[in-house]
Amino acid sequence: MLGNTTKTYAAFADQVLEMESLGYLEMVKSKGRNHHTPSLAYQYKINKGKLNKEYHQELQRYRLKLHDGINLDAYFNLDRTTWKHDLPYLEKIHQYIVKNGFPLEDAAAPERSFELVRDEKWIVEQKGSEILNRIGLWEQFRILPVSDPLMFAINPLMIHQQTQLHLIVENKTTYQGLLPVIMKTDFSTLIYGSGNKIVKSIENFTSQYPIEANHIFYYFGDLDQSGITIWNSLNKRQTAIPAYPFYHACLSKPRAYGKTNQRPNEAALNEFLTFFNEEQQIQINELLSKGAYYPQEVLKTKELQHIWEDAEWTR
């Protein structure tokens, strides 16, 4: 057993001493060295400058080796582990570009993923999209988002207008309640948001509704922490005005209680409140601070319909 231990230590010590001689490890002199043979320092510090220098030199070599379209700038500010993880994929992307050039037609993420790295799940499930964005090639590879189709009804009377209004509602009950009067409104579409799904599915709007116009979106969801967070996430992707006539009507109704597990999003709330007057801002803040909320269903079908038909929607 002793012999095995000696061999293990000797092999380890040889590797450490080689790293020390190359300058990657520096002995902490105040700690001294042990009395084994070969002798190692009790404490080392890593020479990060030398490591980074060699890493950056490696990146420079690959700049010359890989296709000009692959931008490696981001890696100079990332650790070497990320670079080593990404490199096999970068080489496959390089080979694809050299052989095929950049694609001329759009393709779904799984299809493009398989073309690039022979793995249909790479872009969506294995952070391939992050790598493509990191090297500045997401747009060039013309990747269609993988998301549920956008669900909406069309008002044929309004689809030729230069400015078109679109109402997104969070819940199915509200969608079904409003649908019968869509042709009595100035809106071109009524969109079913299906909770958080709208954040992704809104990306399909242009392809599913390819009509050139000035499109203005309104959003109506539950007046609670979750509903406000959904609106905020959507608004970052597609500007959507809170459908204030509906929210104003909610504020005059009896409050509901019970959603105690929702996480507040202060930034989302602050942005949402800018669409309301001072009195209403106080009312909404008080509502949420007490754990109360307004579900969309607090407005009955007839009231929903009257608001949608009669409210002033542009300002």
Protein backbone atom coordinates (compact mmCIF):
# COMPACT_ATOMS: atom_id res chain seq x y z
CA MET A 1 0.00 0.00 0.00
CA LEU A 2 2.83 2.36 0.87
CA GLY A 3 4.41 1.74 -2.50
CA ASN A 4 1.18 2.67 -4.31
CA THR A 5 0.82 5.83 -2.22
CA THR A 6 4.42 6.82 -3.03
CA LYS A 7 3.85 6.31 -6.73
CA THR A 8 0.62 8.33 -6.58
CA TYR A 9 2.32 11.21 -4.77
CA ALA A 10 5.31 11.13 -7.10
CA ALA A 11 3.10 11.29 -10.19
CA PHE A 12 1.05 14.12 -8.71
CA ALA A 13 4.16 16.01 -7.62
CA ASP A 14 5.70 15.72 -11.08
CA GLN A 15 2.59 17.29 -12.63
CA VAL A 16 2.50 20.11 -10.09
CA LEU A 17 6.20 20.82 -10.49
CA GLU A 18 5.79 20.94 -14.26
CA MET A 19 3.00 23.50 -13.86
CA GLU A 20 5.27 25.42 -11.48
CA SER A 21 8.21 25.38 -13.89
CA LEU A 22 5.99 26.60 -16.72
CA GLY A 23 4.80 29.49 -14.59
CA TYR A 24 1.15 28.51 -14.24
CA LEU A 25 1.54 27.92 -10.49
CA GLU A 26 3.50 30.21 -8.17
CA MET A 27 4.72 29.10 -4.75
CA VAL A 28 3.60 31.14 -1.74
CA LYS A 29 7.08 31.54 -0.24
CA SER A 30 5.90 32.36 3.27
CA LYS A 31 4.28 28.92 3.54
CA GLY A 32 7.45 26.96 2.66
CA ARG A 33 7.73 23.50 1.12
CA ASN A 34 7.11 19.99 2.45
CA HIS A 35 9.82 17.41 3.16
CA HIS A 36 8.68 14.76 0.69
CA THR A 37 10.57 13.81 -2.41
CA PRO A 38 9.98 15.52 -4.71
CA SER A 39 9.17 18.52 -2.55
CA LEU A 40 6.04 20.63 -3.15
CA ALA A 41 5.06 24.00 -1.76
CA TYR A 42 2.41 23.97 0.95
CA GLN A 43 0.47 26.61 -0.94
CA TYR A 44 0.35 27.81 -4.54
CA LYS A 45 -1.41 30.62 -6.32
CA ILE A 46 -2.54 30.44 -9.92
CA ASN A 47 -0.87 32.78 -12.38
CA LYS A 48 -4.08 33.98 -14.04
CA GLY A 49 -2.23 36.46 -16.21
CA LYS A 50 -0.28 33.70 -17.92
CA LEU A 51 -3.36 31.52 -18.25
CA ASN A 52 -5.38 34.37 -19.76
CA LYS A 53 -2.53 35.29 -22.10
CA GLU A 54 -2.39 31.78 -23.54
CA TYR A 55 -6.19 31.60 -23.68
CA HIS A 56 -6.37 34.86 -25.60
CA GLN A 57 -3.62 33.70 -27.94
CA GLU A 58 -5.67 30.58 -28.61
CA LEU A 59 -8.71 32.71 -29.42
CA GLN A 60 -6.62 34.76 -31.84
CA ARG A 61 -5.47 31.57 -33.60
CA TYR A 62 -9.06 30.43 -33.99
CA ARG A 63 -10.05 33.84 -35.34
CA LEU A 64 -7.80 33.06 -38.28
CA LYS A 65 -8.93 29.44 -38.51
CA LEU A 66 -12.72 29.83 -38.32
CA HIS A 67 -14.98 31.51 -40.88
CA ASP A 68 -14.93 35.32 -40.78
CA GLY A 69 -18.65 35.38 -39.94
CA ILE A 70 -18.04 33.70 -36.58
CA ASN A 71 -17.41 36.51 -34.08
CA LEU A 72 -15.29 35.38 -31.12
CA ASP A 73 -15.17 38.74 -29.30
CA ALA A 74 -17.51 37.60 -26.51
CA TYR A 75 -15.12 34.83 -25.44
CA PHE A 76 -12.42 37.29 -24.41
CA ASN A 77 -14.68 38.22 -21.48
CA LEU A 78 -15.75 34.65 -20.68
CA ASP A 79 -13.92 31.89 -18.88
CA ARG A 80 -12.04 29.17 -20.70
CA THR A 81 -14.60 26.53 -19.67
CA THR A 82 -17.26 28.19 -21.82
CA TRP A 83 -14.86 28.37 -24.74
CA LYS A 84 -13.95 24.67 -24.47
CA HIS A 85 -17.63 23.73 -24.29
CA ASP A 86 -18.55 25.82 -27.34
CA LEU A 87 -15.55 25.06 -29.55
CA PRO A 88 -16.76 21.70 -30.99
CA TYR A 89 -20.00 23.41 -32.05
CA LEU A 90 -18.13 26.38 -33.53
CA GLU A 91 -16.08 24.01 -35.65
CA LYS A 92 -19.25 22.30 -36.94
CA ILE A 93 -20.80 25.69 -37.72
CA HIS A 94 -17.60 26.67 -39.55
CA GLN A 95 -17.78 23.49 -41.63
CA TYR A 96 -21.43 24.13 -42.46
CA ILE A 97 -20.77 27.71 -43.64
CA VAL A 98 -17.75 26.70 -45.73
CA LYS A 99 -19.76 23.96 -47.42
CA ASN A 100 -23.18 25.62 -47.76
CA GLY A 101 -22.83 29.33 -47.08
CA PHE A 102 -25.57 31.03 -45.09
CA PRO A 103 -29.11 29.74 -45.70
CA LEU A 104 -31.40 31.67 -48.03
CA GLU A 105 -34.65 30.36 -46.55
CA ASP A 106 -36.14 30.20 -43.06
CA ALA A 107 -36.19 26.89 -41.19
CA ALA A 108 -37.65 25.70 -37.89
CA ALA A 109 -35.19 25.48 -35.02
CA PRO A 110 -35.03 21.63 -34.91
CA GLU A 111 -34.38 21.45 -38.67
CA ARG A 112 -31.65 24.09 -38.62
CA SER A 113 -30.18 22.55 -35.47
CA PHE A 114 -29.78 19.18 -37.15
CA GLU A 115 -28.21 20.79 -40.23
CA LEU A 116 -25.63 22.60 -38.14
CA VAL A 117 -24.56 20.07 -35.49
CA ARG A 118 -26.49 16.88 -36.32
CA ASP A 119 -28.63 17.24 -33.21
CA GLU A 120 -32.20 18.48 -33.63
CA LYS A 121 -32.49 19.46 -29.95
CA TRP A 122 -29.31 21.54 -29.75
CA ILE A 123 -30.74 25.01 -30.46
CA VAL A 124 -33.82 24.85 -28.22
CA GLU A 125 -32.91 22.42 -25.43
CA GLN A 126 -29.10 22.54 -25.22
CA LYS A 127 -28.45 26.29 -25.31
CA GLY A 128 -27.46 26.33 -28.96
CA SER A 129 -29.39 29.57 -29.34
CA GLU A 130 -27.06 31.17 -26.76
CA ILE A 131 -24.00 30.13 -28.75
CA LEU A 132 -25.43 31.42 -32.03
CA ASN A 133 -26.26 34.75 -30.39
CA ARG A 134 -22.82 34.82 -28.76
CA ILE A 135 -21.07 34.55 -32.13
CA GLY A 136 -23.50 36.94 -33.84
CA LEU A 137 -25.07 34.43 -36.24
CA TRP A 138 -28.63 33.95 -34.98
CA GLU A 139 -30.14 36.23 -37.63
CA GLN A 140 -27.99 34.89 -40.47
CA PHE A 141 -29.18 31.33 -39.91
CA ARG A 142 -32.84 32.37 -40.36
CA ILE A 143 -34.26 30.29 -37.54
CA LEU A 144 -38.00 30.27 -36.99
CA PRO A 145 -39.04 30.34 -33.31
CA VAL A 146 -40.49 27.16 -31.88
CA SER A 147 -43.65 28.29 -30.17
CA ASP A 148 -47.34 27.54 -30.11
CA PRO A 149 -49.33 29.15 -32.93
CA LEU A 150 -50.98 32.43 -32.02
CA MET A 151 -54.71 31.90 -31.44
CA PHE A 152 -56.92 34.75 -32.60
CA ALA A 153 -60.17 35.75 -34.27
CA ILE A 154 -60.31 38.28 -37.13
CA ASN A 155 -62.70 41.15 -37.69
CA PRO A 156 -62.94 41.27 -41.53
CA LEU A 157 -64.38 44.79 -41.42
CA MET A 158 -61.14 46.23 -40.01
CA ILE A 159 -58.32 44.35 -41.73
CA HIS A 160 -57.85 47.01 -44.43
CA GLN A 161 -57.36 49.91 -42.01
CA GLN A 162 -54.02 51.71 -42.00
CA THR A 163 -53.98 51.64 -38.17
CA GLN A 164 -55.18 48.39 -36.69
CA LEU A 165 -56.01 47.58 -33.08
CA HIS A 166 -55.50 44.15 -31.50
CA LEU A 167 -56.76 43.02 -28.09
CA ILE A 168 -54.91 40.27 -26.22
CA VAL A 169 -56.76 38.68 -23.31
CA GLU A 170 -55.14 36.35 -20.80
CA ASN A 171 -57.98 33.91 -20.11
CA LYS A 172 -60.23 31.72 -22.26
CA THR A 173 -63.43 32.84 -20.49
CA THR A 174 -62.79 36.47 -21.41
CA TYR A 175 -61.93 35.51 -25.00
CA GLN A 176 -65.17 33.57 -25.40
CA GLY A 177 -67.17 36.39 -23.81
CA LEU A 178 -65.80 39.03 -26.17
CA LEU A 179 -65.76 37.00 -29.38
CA PRO A 180 -69.47 37.47 -30.30
CA VAL A 181 -69.11 41.27 -30.57
CA ILE A 182 -65.76 41.52 -32.36
CA MET A 183 -67.42 42.91 -35.51
CA LYS A 184 -69.04 45.69 -33.47
CA THR A 185 -65.63 47.00 -32.39
CA ASP A 186 -62.80 48.92 -34.04
CA PHE A 187 -60.40 46.00 -33.43
CA SER A 188 -58.94 43.86 -36.20
CA THR A 189 -58.24 40.84 -34.00
CA LEU A 190 -59.06 39.32 -30.63
CA ILE A 191 -56.07 37.28 -29.43
CA TYR A 192 -56.20 34.53 -26.81
CA GLY A 193 -53.04 34.88 -24.74
CA SER A 194 -53.32 31.61 -22.78
CA GLY A 195 -51.38 32.92 -19.79
CA ASN A 196 -47.60 32.93 -20.24
CA LYS A 197 -47.78 31.33 -23.69
CA ILE A 198 -48.42 34.71 -25.29
CA VAL A 199 -44.85 35.80 -24.52
CA LYS A 200 -43.56 33.31 -27.11
CA SER A 201 -46.54 32.91 -29.43
CA ILE A 202 -46.68 36.67 -30.18
CA GLU A 203 -43.54 36.09 -32.27
CA ASN A 204 -45.80 34.39 -34.83
CA PHE A 205 -48.07 37.39 -35.31
CA THR A 206 -46.35 38.73 -38.42
CA SER A 207 -46.27 35.36 -40.18
CA GLN A 208 -49.87 34.49 -39.25
CA TYR A 209 -51.25 37.98 -39.94
CA PRO A 210 -49.07 39.31 -42.81
CA ILE A 211 -50.91 42.59 -43.26
CA GLU A 212 -48.96 45.82 -43.62
CA ALA A 213 -50.38 48.37 -41.16
CA ASN A 214 -49.65 50.33 -38.02
CA HIS A 215 -50.46 47.65 -35.45
CA ILE A 216 -51.37 48.69 -31.90
CA PHE A 217 -51.72 45.99 -29.22
CA TYR A 218 -53.73 46.16 -25.99
CA TYR A 219 -53.51 43.61 -23.19
CA PHE A 220 -56.06 42.62 -20.55
CA GLY A 221 -55.18 40.07 -17.88
CA ASP A 222 -55.87 39.34 -14.25
CA LEU A 223 -55.08 42.32 -12.06
CA ASP A 224 -52.65 40.46 -9.82
CA GLN A 225 -48.89 39.94 -9.54
CA SER A 226 -48.84 37.15 -12.11
CA GLY A 227 -50.99 38.99 -14.65
CA ILE A 228 -48.82 42.10 -14.40
CA THR A 229 -45.65 40.02 -14.81
CA ILE A 230 -47.06 38.35 -17.93
CA TRP A 231 -47.92 41.77 -19.38
CA ASN A 232 -44.41 43.03 -18.61
CA SER A 233 -42.73 40.03 -20.29
CA LEU A 234 -44.96 40.43 -23.33
CA ASN A 235 -44.35 44.18 -23.47
CA LYS A 236 -40.59 43.56 -23.73
CA ARG A 237 -41.17 41.56 -26.92
CA GLN A 238 -44.11 43.42 -28.38
CA THR A 239 -45.30 46.78 -27.08
CA ALA A 240 -48.72 46.16 -25.53
CA ILE A 241 -50.76 48.87 -23.81
CA PRO A 242 -52.69 47.75 -20.71
CA ALA A 243 -56.35 47.76 -21.77
CA TYR A 244 -57.21 50.44 -19.25
CA PRO A 245 -61.02 50.58 -19.81
CA PHE A 246 -61.25 46.98 -18.60
CA TYR A 247 -58.86 47.54 -15.69
CA HIS A 248 -60.71 50.71 -14.67
CA ALA A 249 -63.93 48.74 -14.53
CA CYS A 250 -62.28 46.05 -12.40
CA LEU A 251 -61.22 48.62 -9.81
CA SER A 252 -64.86 49.42 -9.02
CA LYS A 253 -65.67 45.79 -8.16
CA PRO A 254 -65.37 43.84 -4.87
CA ARG A 255 -61.89 42.44 -4.39
CA ALA A 256 -60.98 38.77 -4.36
CA TYR A 257 -58.46 37.18 -1.97
CA GLY A 258 -56.50 33.96 -1.91
CA LYS A 259 -53.50 34.23 -4.26
CA THR A 260 -50.80 34.28 -1.61
CA ASN A 261 -48.11 32.36 -3.48
CA GLN A 262 -47.47 34.86 -6.28
CA ARG A 263 -44.09 36.57 -6.38
CA PRO A 264 -44.12 40.36 -6.71
CA ASN A 265 -42.21 41.94 -9.58
CA GLU A 266 -41.55 45.54 -8.56
CA ALA A 267 -40.11 46.62 -11.91
CA ALA A 268 -43.09 45.18 -13.78
CA LEU A 269 -45.56 46.81 -11.38
CA ASN A 270 -43.89 50.22 -11.62
CA GLU A 271 -44.05 50.11 -15.43
CA PHE A 272 -47.65 48.93 -15.38
CA LEU A 273 -48.72 51.75 -13.04
CA THR A 274 -47.54 54.46 -15.45
CA PHE A 275 -50.72 53.85 -17.47
CA PHE A 276 -52.97 54.83 -14.54
CA ASN A 277 -53.67 58.08 -12.73
CA GLU A 278 -52.34 58.75 -9.24
CA GLU A 279 -55.51 57.67 -7.45
CA GLN A 280 -55.64 54.38 -9.34
CA GLN A 281 -51.94 53.75 -8.71
CA ILE A 282 -52.56 54.03 -4.97
CA GLN A 283 -55.56 51.73 -5.28
CA ILE A 284 -53.62 49.05 -7.19
CA ASN A 285 -50.65 49.21 -4.81
CA GLU A 286 -52.96 48.84 -1.82
CA LEU A 287 -54.81 45.99 -3.50
CA LEU A 288 -51.67 43.96 -4.11
CA SER A 289 -50.07 44.77 -0.76
CA LYS A 290 -53.07 43.22 1.00
CA GLY A 291 -52.96 40.05 -1.09
CA ALA A 292 -56.10 40.96 -3.01
CA TYR A 293 -56.65 40.81 -6.76
CA TYR A 294 -59.16 41.09 -9.58
CA PRO A 295 -59.61 38.12 -11.92
CA GLN A 296 -60.80 38.97 -15.42
CA GLU A 297 -63.97 37.09 -14.62
CA VAL A 298 -64.99 39.85 -12.19
CA LEU A 299 -66.43 41.54 -15.30
CA LYS A 300 -69.51 39.73 -16.57
CA THR A 301 -69.92 38.97 -20.27
CA LYS A 302 -72.31 41.82 -21.06
CA GLU A 303 -70.15 44.35 -19.24
CA LEU A 304 -67.04 43.12 -21.07
CA GLN A 305 -68.80 43.49 -24.38
CA HIS A 306 -70.13 46.98 -23.66
CA ILE A 307 -66.69 48.19 -22.59
CA TRP A 308 -65.03 46.79 -25.70
CA GLU A 309 -67.63 48.32 -28.00
CA ASP A 310 -68.00 51.74 -26.39
CA ALA A 311 -64.67 52.70 -24.80
CA GLU A 312 -62.31 55.24 -26.34
CA TRP A 313 -59.30 53.07 -27.34
CA THR A 314 -56.89 55.59 -28.81
CA ARG A 315 -55.40 58.54 -27.02
